[in-house]
């Protein structure tokens, strides 16, 4: 979930929580681009291209199937671009943000993640976060991957 495009806001290291390997193994998909990767990438993330902080994923053109685990401190511009792109899977927090109901109503599939989900933190190892998260899929192949994953009940 590392990326910038925060206008005047600074990058926050607390956003450096990486999606665990088991999730990608469970989904069984390859992504064309990880739009919010750390600079060195995440070795287990199956994406052909990785946009990191210096490249600014929001400023890039997104092509093909996108994986997105954006900075949770400022997800709105990422969510808006993801929804407009309409092809991929995003890992996002449950939130009172204005975008939440919009993505809930328009995603082809949504699955809440297990309550005890652990992320890989850049400096602190494996750890949970304080808010629940869900996967949002746009595109029928991506929705089917969520259904086949059996992570949880899919909406």
N, C-alpha and C. Protein backbone atom coordinates (compact mmCIF):
# COMPACT_ATOMS: atom_id res chain seq x y z
N UNK A 1 0.82 -1.17 0.00
CA UNK A 1 0.00 0.00 0.00
C UNK A 1 0.86 1.23 0.00
N UNK A 2 1.97 1.17 -0.64
CA UNK A 2 2.86 2.30 -0.67
C UNK A 2 2.70 3.04 -1.98
N UNK A 3 2.41 4.28 -1.92
CA UNK A 3 2.34 5.14 -3.09
C UNK A 3 2.08 6.55 -2.62
N UNK A 4 2.22 7.50 -3.53
CA UNK A 4 2.09 8.88 -3.08
C UNK A 4 0.89 9.55 -3.67
N UNK A 5 1.07 10.52 -4.55
CA UNK A 5 0.00 11.34 -5.12
C UNK A 5 -0.92 11.83 -4.02
N UNK A 6 -0.39 12.50 -3.08
CA UNK A 6 -1.13 12.99 -1.93
C UNK A 6 -1.20 14.50 -1.95
N UNK A 7 -1.02 15.15 -3.08
CA UNK A 7 -0.94 16.59 -3.20
C UNK A 7 0.02 17.11 -2.14
N UNK A 8 -0.47 17.87 -1.17
CA UNK A 8 0.44 18.47 -0.20
C UNK A 8 0.76 17.55 0.97
N UNK A 9 0.10 16.41 1.06
CA UNK A 9 0.36 15.50 2.18
C UNK A 9 1.64 14.71 1.93
N UNK A 10 2.30 14.37 3.00
CA UNK A 10 3.53 13.60 2.92
C UNK A 10 3.23 12.11 2.99
N UNK A 11 4.14 11.34 2.42
CA UNK A 11 4.08 9.89 2.52
C UNK A 11 4.17 9.49 3.98
N UNK A 12 3.40 8.50 4.38
CA UNK A 12 3.37 8.05 5.76
C UNK A 12 3.85 6.60 5.84
N UNK A 13 4.99 6.35 6.49
CA UNK A 13 5.49 4.97 6.60
C UNK A 13 4.48 4.02 7.24
N UNK A 14 3.53 4.53 8.02
CA UNK A 14 2.52 3.64 8.62
C UNK A 14 1.69 2.96 7.54
N UNK A 15 1.73 3.46 6.30
CA UNK A 15 0.98 2.85 5.20
C UNK A 15 1.69 1.64 4.61
N UNK A 16 2.85 1.31 5.09
CA UNK A 16 3.62 0.21 4.51
C UNK A 16 3.22 -1.16 5.06
N UNK A 17 2.00 -1.56 4.77
CA UNK A 17 1.50 -2.88 5.10
C UNK A 17 1.28 -3.61 3.79
N UNK A 18 1.94 -4.74 3.61
CA UNK A 18 1.88 -5.47 2.35
C UNK A 18 0.95 -6.67 2.47
N UNK A 19 0.27 -6.95 1.39
CA UNK A 19 -0.67 -8.05 1.32
C UNK A 19 0.08 -9.37 1.50
N UNK A 20 -0.43 -10.26 2.32
CA UNK A 20 0.27 -11.54 2.55
C UNK A 20 0.25 -12.45 1.32
N UNK A 21 1.27 -13.26 1.24
CA UNK A 21 1.46 -14.18 0.11
C UNK A 21 0.28 -15.13 -0.07
N UNK A 22 -0.29 -15.64 1.02
CA UNK A 22 -1.37 -16.62 0.92
C UNK A 22 -2.55 -16.09 0.12
N UNK A 23 -2.79 -14.78 0.18
CA UNK A 23 -3.93 -14.22 -0.54
C UNK A 23 -3.76 -14.37 -2.05
N UNK A 24 -2.57 -14.11 -2.55
CA UNK A 24 -2.33 -14.24 -3.99
C UNK A 24 -2.35 -15.70 -4.43
N UNK A 25 -1.83 -16.57 -3.57
CA UNK A 25 -1.90 -18.00 -3.88
C UNK A 25 -3.35 -18.46 -3.95
N UNK A 26 -4.19 -17.95 -3.07
CA UNK A 26 -5.60 -18.31 -3.03
C UNK A 26 -6.35 -17.77 -4.25
N UNK A 27 -6.04 -16.54 -4.66
CA UNK A 27 -6.72 -15.96 -5.82
C UNK A 27 -6.31 -16.64 -7.12
N UNK A 28 -5.05 -17.04 -7.23
CA UNK A 28 -4.57 -17.72 -8.43
C UNK A 28 -4.59 -16.87 -9.68
N UNK A 29 -4.41 -15.55 -9.53
CA UNK A 29 -4.40 -14.64 -10.68
C UNK A 29 -3.04 -14.01 -10.88
N UNK A 30 -2.77 -13.61 -12.11
CA UNK A 30 -1.62 -12.76 -12.39
C UNK A 30 -2.17 -11.39 -12.74
N UNK A 31 -1.54 -10.36 -12.21
CA UNK A 31 -1.96 -8.99 -12.45
C UNK A 31 -1.01 -8.32 -13.43
N UNK A 32 -1.54 -7.41 -14.22
CA UNK A 32 -0.69 -6.66 -15.14
C UNK A 32 0.10 -5.59 -14.40
N UNK A 33 -0.51 -5.01 -13.38
CA UNK A 33 0.18 -3.96 -12.64
C UNK A 33 -0.29 -3.90 -11.19
N UNK A 34 0.69 -3.75 -10.30
CA UNK A 34 0.45 -3.41 -8.90
C UNK A 34 0.64 -1.90 -8.84
N UNK A 35 -0.43 -1.15 -8.61
CA UNK A 35 -0.36 0.30 -8.73
C UNK A 35 0.16 1.00 -7.49
N UNK A 36 0.31 0.29 -6.37
CA UNK A 36 0.77 0.89 -5.11
C UNK A 36 1.87 0.05 -4.46
N UNK A 37 2.86 -0.30 -5.19
CA UNK A 37 3.92 -1.19 -4.69
C UNK A 37 4.98 -0.42 -3.92
N UNK A 38 5.68 -1.10 -3.00
CA UNK A 38 6.87 -0.47 -2.43
C UNK A 38 7.96 -0.44 -3.51
N UNK A 39 8.96 0.38 -3.30
CA UNK A 39 9.97 0.59 -4.35
C UNK A 39 10.61 -0.71 -4.83
N UNK A 40 10.88 -1.63 -3.93
CA UNK A 40 11.50 -2.90 -4.33
C UNK A 40 10.46 -3.92 -4.78
N UNK A 41 9.19 -3.55 -4.74
CA UNK A 41 8.13 -4.50 -5.07
C UNK A 41 7.90 -5.46 -3.91
N UNK A 42 6.91 -6.28 -4.04
CA UNK A 42 6.64 -7.33 -3.07
C UNK A 42 6.94 -8.63 -3.81
N UNK A 43 7.96 -9.39 -3.40
CA UNK A 43 8.41 -10.54 -4.17
C UNK A 43 7.33 -11.57 -4.50
N UNK A 44 6.36 -11.73 -3.63
CA UNK A 44 5.33 -12.75 -3.85
C UNK A 44 4.11 -12.22 -4.60
N UNK A 45 4.11 -10.92 -4.94
CA UNK A 45 2.95 -10.35 -5.62
C UNK A 45 3.06 -10.61 -7.12
N UNK A 46 2.13 -11.38 -7.70
CA UNK A 46 2.23 -11.77 -9.11
C UNK A 46 1.75 -10.68 -10.07
N UNK A 47 2.59 -9.66 -10.24
CA UNK A 47 2.28 -8.59 -11.18
C UNK A 47 3.46 -8.38 -12.12
N UNK A 48 3.14 -8.11 -13.37
CA UNK A 48 4.19 -7.89 -14.38
C UNK A 48 4.90 -6.55 -14.16
N UNK A 49 4.15 -5.54 -13.69
CA UNK A 49 4.67 -4.19 -13.49
C UNK A 49 4.30 -3.72 -12.10
N UNK A 50 5.18 -2.92 -11.50
CA UNK A 50 4.94 -2.38 -10.16
C UNK A 50 5.17 -0.87 -10.20
N UNK A 51 4.14 -0.11 -9.85
CA UNK A 51 4.27 1.34 -9.72
C UNK A 51 4.52 1.64 -8.25
N UNK A 52 5.64 2.30 -7.97
CA UNK A 52 5.99 2.62 -6.59
C UNK A 52 5.95 4.13 -6.38
N UNK A 53 6.29 4.54 -5.18
CA UNK A 53 6.20 5.93 -4.75
C UNK A 53 6.86 6.90 -5.74
N UNK A 54 8.06 6.60 -6.17
CA UNK A 54 8.77 7.51 -7.08
C UNK A 54 8.12 7.58 -8.46
N UNK A 55 7.45 6.51 -8.87
CA UNK A 55 6.79 6.49 -10.19
C UNK A 55 5.42 7.14 -10.11
N UNK A 56 4.78 7.12 -8.96
CA UNK A 56 3.46 7.70 -8.72
C UNK A 56 2.38 6.99 -9.53
N UNK A 57 1.86 5.92 -8.96
CA UNK A 57 0.85 5.10 -9.62
C UNK A 57 -0.39 5.85 -10.05
N UNK A 58 -0.76 6.90 -9.34
CA UNK A 58 -1.94 7.67 -9.75
C UNK A 58 -1.70 8.44 -11.04
N UNK A 59 -0.47 8.81 -11.29
CA UNK A 59 -0.15 9.59 -12.49
C UNK A 59 0.03 8.70 -13.73
N UNK A 60 0.13 7.39 -13.52
CA UNK A 60 0.37 6.46 -14.61
C UNK A 60 -0.93 6.01 -15.26
N UNK A 61 -0.84 5.56 -16.50
CA UNK A 61 -1.98 4.94 -17.15
C UNK A 61 -2.03 3.49 -16.68
N UNK A 62 -3.20 3.06 -16.25
CA UNK A 62 -3.37 1.68 -15.80
C UNK A 62 -3.90 0.86 -16.96
N UNK A 63 -3.25 -0.27 -17.22
CA UNK A 63 -3.68 -1.16 -18.29
C UNK A 63 -3.84 -2.57 -17.74
N UNK A 64 -4.85 -3.27 -18.25
CA UNK A 64 -5.05 -4.67 -17.88
C UNK A 64 -5.58 -4.83 -16.47
N UNK A 65 -5.32 -6.01 -15.91
CA UNK A 65 -5.80 -6.36 -14.57
C UNK A 65 -4.91 -5.68 -13.53
N UNK A 66 -5.53 -4.92 -12.65
CA UNK A 66 -4.83 -4.14 -11.63
C UNK A 66 -4.98 -4.80 -10.26
N UNK A 67 -3.89 -4.82 -9.50
CA UNK A 67 -3.95 -5.11 -8.08
C UNK A 67 -3.75 -3.79 -7.36
N UNK A 68 -4.60 -3.51 -6.35
CA UNK A 68 -4.47 -2.26 -5.62
C UNK A 68 -4.68 -2.49 -4.13
N UNK A 69 -3.68 -2.18 -3.35
CA UNK A 69 -3.74 -2.11 -1.89
C UNK A 69 -3.18 -0.72 -1.57
N UNK A 70 -4.05 0.32 -1.62
CA UNK A 70 -3.57 1.70 -1.55
C UNK A 70 -3.24 2.14 -0.13
N UNK A 71 -2.65 3.33 0.00
CA UNK A 71 -2.41 3.88 1.34
C UNK A 71 -3.75 4.11 2.03
N UNK A 72 -3.96 3.48 3.17
CA UNK A 72 -5.24 3.60 3.86
C UNK A 72 -5.41 4.97 4.50
N UNK A 73 -4.35 5.75 4.61
CA UNK A 73 -4.45 7.09 5.16
C UNK A 73 -5.08 8.07 4.17
N UNK A 74 -5.09 7.71 2.88
CA UNK A 74 -5.70 8.58 1.86
C UNK A 74 -6.10 7.75 0.64
N UNK A 75 -7.10 6.88 0.78
CA UNK A 75 -7.46 5.99 -0.32
C UNK A 75 -8.33 6.60 -1.41
N UNK A 76 -9.00 7.71 -1.15
CA UNK A 76 -10.02 8.22 -2.07
C UNK A 76 -9.55 8.37 -3.52
N UNK A 77 -8.44 9.03 -3.82
CA UNK A 77 -8.08 9.16 -5.24
C UNK A 77 -7.78 7.82 -5.90
N UNK A 78 -7.25 6.88 -5.12
CA UNK A 78 -6.95 5.54 -5.62
C UNK A 78 -8.24 4.79 -5.94
N UNK A 79 -9.20 4.86 -5.03
CA UNK A 79 -10.48 4.17 -5.23
C UNK A 79 -11.20 4.73 -6.45
N UNK A 80 -11.20 6.03 -6.61
CA UNK A 80 -11.86 6.64 -7.77
C UNK A 80 -11.23 6.18 -9.07
N UNK A 81 -9.89 6.17 -9.12
CA UNK A 81 -9.23 5.73 -10.35
C UNK A 81 -9.46 4.23 -10.59
N UNK A 82 -9.44 3.45 -9.53
CA UNK A 82 -9.68 2.01 -9.64
C UNK A 82 -11.07 1.74 -10.22
N UNK A 83 -12.07 2.43 -9.70
CA UNK A 83 -13.44 2.23 -10.19
C UNK A 83 -13.56 2.64 -11.66
N UNK A 84 -12.92 3.70 -12.04
CA UNK A 84 -12.95 4.13 -13.44
C UNK A 84 -12.21 3.14 -14.34
N UNK A 85 -11.17 2.52 -13.82
CA UNK A 85 -10.41 1.53 -14.61
C UNK A 85 -11.25 0.29 -14.87
N UNK A 86 -12.00 -0.17 -13.87
CA UNK A 86 -13.00 -1.22 -14.04
C UNK A 86 -12.43 -2.60 -14.37
N UNK A 87 -11.20 -2.90 -13.92
CA UNK A 87 -10.63 -4.22 -14.15
C UNK A 87 -9.55 -4.49 -13.10
N UNK A 88 -9.91 -5.27 -12.09
CA UNK A 88 -8.91 -5.62 -11.09
C UNK A 88 -9.52 -5.97 -9.76
N UNK A 89 -8.63 -6.10 -8.78
CA UNK A 89 -9.03 -6.39 -7.41
C UNK A 89 -8.32 -5.41 -6.50
N UNK A 90 -9.09 -4.86 -5.55
CA UNK A 90 -8.54 -3.92 -4.57
C UNK A 90 -8.79 -4.45 -3.17
N UNK A 91 -7.81 -4.28 -2.31
CA UNK A 91 -7.94 -4.59 -0.89
C UNK A 91 -8.11 -3.26 -0.17
N UNK A 92 -9.31 -3.06 0.41
CA UNK A 92 -9.65 -1.76 0.98
C UNK A 92 -10.26 -1.90 2.37
N UNK A 93 -10.10 -0.85 3.20
CA UNK A 93 -10.70 -0.89 4.52
C UNK A 93 -12.21 -0.63 4.45
N UNK A 94 -12.95 -1.21 5.41
CA UNK A 94 -14.34 -0.79 5.61
C UNK A 94 -14.24 0.61 6.19
N UNK A 95 -15.07 1.48 5.74
CA UNK A 95 -14.86 2.86 6.09
C UNK A 95 -16.15 3.66 5.97
N UNK A 96 -16.19 4.79 6.61
CA UNK A 96 -17.31 5.72 6.47
C UNK A 96 -17.04 6.72 5.34
N UNK A 97 -16.01 6.49 4.59
CA UNK A 97 -15.66 7.40 3.51
C UNK A 97 -16.78 7.45 2.47
N UNK A 98 -16.89 8.56 1.79
CA UNK A 98 -17.93 8.74 0.76
C UNK A 98 -17.81 7.70 -0.35
N UNK A 99 -16.62 7.27 -0.65
CA UNK A 99 -16.43 6.32 -1.75
C UNK A 99 -16.93 4.92 -1.40
N UNK A 100 -17.05 4.59 -0.11
CA UNK A 100 -17.34 3.22 0.27
C UNK A 100 -18.66 2.70 -0.32
N UNK A 101 -19.74 3.42 -0.17
CA UNK A 101 -21.03 2.96 -0.69
C UNK A 101 -20.99 2.88 -2.21
N UNK A 102 -20.30 3.80 -2.84
CA UNK A 102 -20.18 3.78 -4.30
C UNK A 102 -19.48 2.51 -4.79
N UNK A 103 -18.35 2.17 -4.19
CA UNK A 103 -17.65 0.96 -4.63
C UNK A 103 -18.44 -0.29 -4.23
N UNK A 104 -19.08 -0.27 -3.07
CA UNK A 104 -19.91 -1.40 -2.63
C UNK A 104 -21.02 -1.66 -3.66
N UNK A 105 -21.66 -0.61 -4.13
CA UNK A 105 -22.78 -0.74 -5.07
C UNK A 105 -22.36 -1.08 -6.49
N UNK A 106 -21.12 -0.81 -6.87
CA UNK A 106 -20.71 -1.00 -8.26
C UNK A 106 -19.74 -2.16 -8.51
N UNK A 107 -19.12 -2.67 -7.46
CA UNK A 107 -18.18 -3.78 -7.65
C UNK A 107 -18.93 -5.02 -8.13
N UNK A 108 -18.28 -5.83 -8.96
CA UNK A 108 -18.87 -7.08 -9.43
C UNK A 108 -18.89 -8.14 -8.32
N UNK A 109 -17.98 -8.01 -7.37
CA UNK A 109 -17.95 -8.94 -6.23
C UNK A 109 -17.22 -8.25 -5.07
N UNK A 110 -17.66 -8.56 -3.86
CA UNK A 110 -17.02 -8.05 -2.64
C UNK A 110 -16.94 -9.20 -1.66
N UNK A 111 -15.80 -9.35 -1.01
CA UNK A 111 -15.65 -10.38 0.02
C UNK A 111 -14.90 -9.77 1.22
N UNK A 112 -15.51 -9.85 2.41
CA UNK A 112 -14.80 -9.39 3.60
C UNK A 112 -13.68 -10.37 3.94
N UNK A 113 -12.57 -9.82 4.37
CA UNK A 113 -11.43 -10.65 4.73
C UNK A 113 -11.59 -11.13 6.17
N UNK A 114 -10.92 -12.23 6.53
CA UNK A 114 -11.01 -12.74 7.90
C UNK A 114 -10.61 -11.66 8.91
N UNK A 115 -11.28 -11.66 10.03
CA UNK A 115 -11.06 -10.66 11.07
C UNK A 115 -9.62 -10.68 11.58
N UNK A 116 -8.99 -11.83 11.55
CA UNK A 116 -7.62 -11.96 12.07
C UNK A 116 -6.55 -11.86 10.98
N UNK A 117 -6.89 -11.26 9.84
CA UNK A 117 -5.94 -11.14 8.74
C UNK A 117 -4.69 -10.38 9.18
N UNK A 118 -3.56 -10.90 8.79
CA UNK A 118 -2.27 -10.28 9.10
C UNK A 118 -1.64 -9.76 7.81
N UNK A 119 -0.98 -8.62 7.91
CA UNK A 119 -0.24 -8.02 6.81
C UNK A 119 1.24 -8.14 7.11
N UNK A 120 2.03 -7.95 6.08
CA UNK A 120 3.48 -7.89 6.26
C UNK A 120 3.85 -6.41 6.35
N UNK A 121 4.38 -5.98 7.49
CA UNK A 121 4.78 -4.59 7.67
C UNK A 121 6.25 -4.43 7.31
N UNK A 122 6.56 -3.32 6.68
CA UNK A 122 7.93 -3.06 6.21
C UNK A 122 8.96 -3.22 7.32
N UNK A 123 8.68 -2.68 8.49
CA UNK A 123 9.67 -2.68 9.57
C UNK A 123 9.35 -3.61 10.74
N UNK A 124 8.09 -3.99 10.88
CA UNK A 124 7.68 -4.68 12.10
C UNK A 124 7.24 -6.12 11.91
N UNK A 125 7.43 -6.69 10.73
CA UNK A 125 7.05 -8.08 10.51
C UNK A 125 5.56 -8.25 10.28
N UNK A 126 5.05 -9.43 10.58
CA UNK A 126 3.64 -9.76 10.37
C UNK A 126 2.80 -9.19 11.49
N UNK A 127 1.72 -8.47 11.10
CA UNK A 127 0.85 -7.89 12.11
C UNK A 127 -0.52 -7.54 11.54
N UNK A 128 -1.50 -7.47 12.42
CA UNK A 128 -2.84 -7.07 12.03
C UNK A 128 -2.96 -5.55 12.00
N UNK A 129 -4.09 -5.09 11.49
CA UNK A 129 -4.37 -3.66 11.54
C UNK A 129 -5.68 -3.46 12.29
N UNK A 130 -5.99 -2.22 12.63
CA UNK A 130 -7.14 -1.94 13.50
C UNK A 130 -8.48 -1.92 12.79
N UNK A 131 -8.51 -1.97 11.48
CA UNK A 131 -9.79 -1.89 10.78
C UNK A 131 -10.02 -3.11 9.90
N UNK A 132 -11.28 -3.47 9.71
CA UNK A 132 -11.57 -4.60 8.82
C UNK A 132 -11.36 -4.19 7.36
N UNK A 133 -11.03 -5.18 6.53
CA UNK A 133 -10.79 -4.93 5.11
C UNK A 133 -11.58 -5.92 4.27
N UNK A 134 -11.74 -5.57 3.01
CA UNK A 134 -12.45 -6.43 2.07
C UNK A 134 -11.79 -6.35 0.70
N UNK A 135 -12.01 -7.37 -0.10
CA UNK A 135 -11.58 -7.37 -1.49
C UNK A 135 -12.75 -6.92 -2.35
N UNK A 136 -12.48 -6.02 -3.29
CA UNK A 136 -13.47 -5.52 -4.24
C UNK A 136 -12.99 -5.87 -5.64
N UNK A 137 -13.82 -6.58 -6.39
CA UNK A 137 -13.43 -7.01 -7.74
C UNK A 137 -14.28 -6.30 -8.79
N UNK A 138 -13.64 -5.85 -9.84
CA UNK A 138 -14.29 -5.31 -11.02
C UNK A 138 -13.85 -6.17 -12.19
N UNK A 139 -14.80 -6.62 -12.98
CA UNK A 139 -14.52 -7.53 -14.09
C UNK A 139 -14.93 -8.94 -13.70
N UNK A 140 -15.56 -9.64 -14.62
CA UNK A 140 -16.11 -10.97 -14.31
C UNK A 140 -15.04 -11.99 -13.94
N UNK A 141 -13.88 -11.98 -14.60
CA UNK A 141 -12.82 -12.94 -14.24
C UNK A 141 -12.32 -12.70 -12.82
N UNK A 142 -12.22 -11.44 -12.44
CA UNK A 142 -11.77 -11.10 -11.09
C UNK A 142 -12.82 -11.48 -10.05
N UNK A 143 -14.09 -11.25 -10.38
CA UNK A 143 -15.18 -11.64 -9.49
C UNK A 143 -15.21 -13.16 -9.31
N UNK A 144 -14.98 -13.88 -10.40
CA UNK A 144 -14.96 -15.34 -10.34
C UNK A 144 -13.82 -15.83 -9.45
N UNK A 145 -12.67 -15.16 -9.51
CA UNK A 145 -11.54 -15.53 -8.65
C UNK A 145 -11.91 -15.36 -7.18
N UNK A 146 -12.66 -14.31 -6.85
CA UNK A 146 -13.11 -14.14 -5.46
C UNK A 146 -14.06 -15.26 -5.06
N UNK A 147 -14.99 -15.60 -5.95
CA UNK A 147 -15.94 -16.68 -5.66
C UNK A 147 -15.22 -18.01 -5.44
N UNK A 148 -14.24 -18.29 -6.28
CA UNK A 148 -13.50 -19.55 -6.19
C UNK A 148 -12.54 -19.60 -5.00
N UNK A 149 -12.18 -18.45 -4.46
CA UNK A 149 -11.19 -18.41 -3.37
C UNK A 149 -11.71 -19.01 -2.07
N UNK A 150 -13.00 -18.98 -1.87
CA UNK A 150 -13.63 -19.47 -0.64
C UNK A 150 -13.06 -18.81 0.61
N UNK A 151 -12.58 -17.57 0.47
CA UNK A 151 -12.07 -16.81 1.63
C UNK A 151 -13.20 -16.52 2.60
N UNK A 152 -14.34 -16.15 2.05
CA UNK A 152 -15.51 -15.80 2.82
C UNK A 152 -16.68 -15.72 1.86
N UNK A 153 -17.87 -15.48 2.37
CA UNK A 153 -19.05 -15.34 1.49
C UNK A 153 -18.87 -14.11 0.60
N UNK A 154 -19.18 -14.27 -0.66
CA UNK A 154 -19.02 -13.19 -1.65
C UNK A 154 -20.37 -12.53 -1.91
N UNK A 155 -20.37 -11.23 -1.96
CA UNK A 155 -21.55 -10.48 -2.37
C UNK A 155 -21.38 -10.05 -3.80
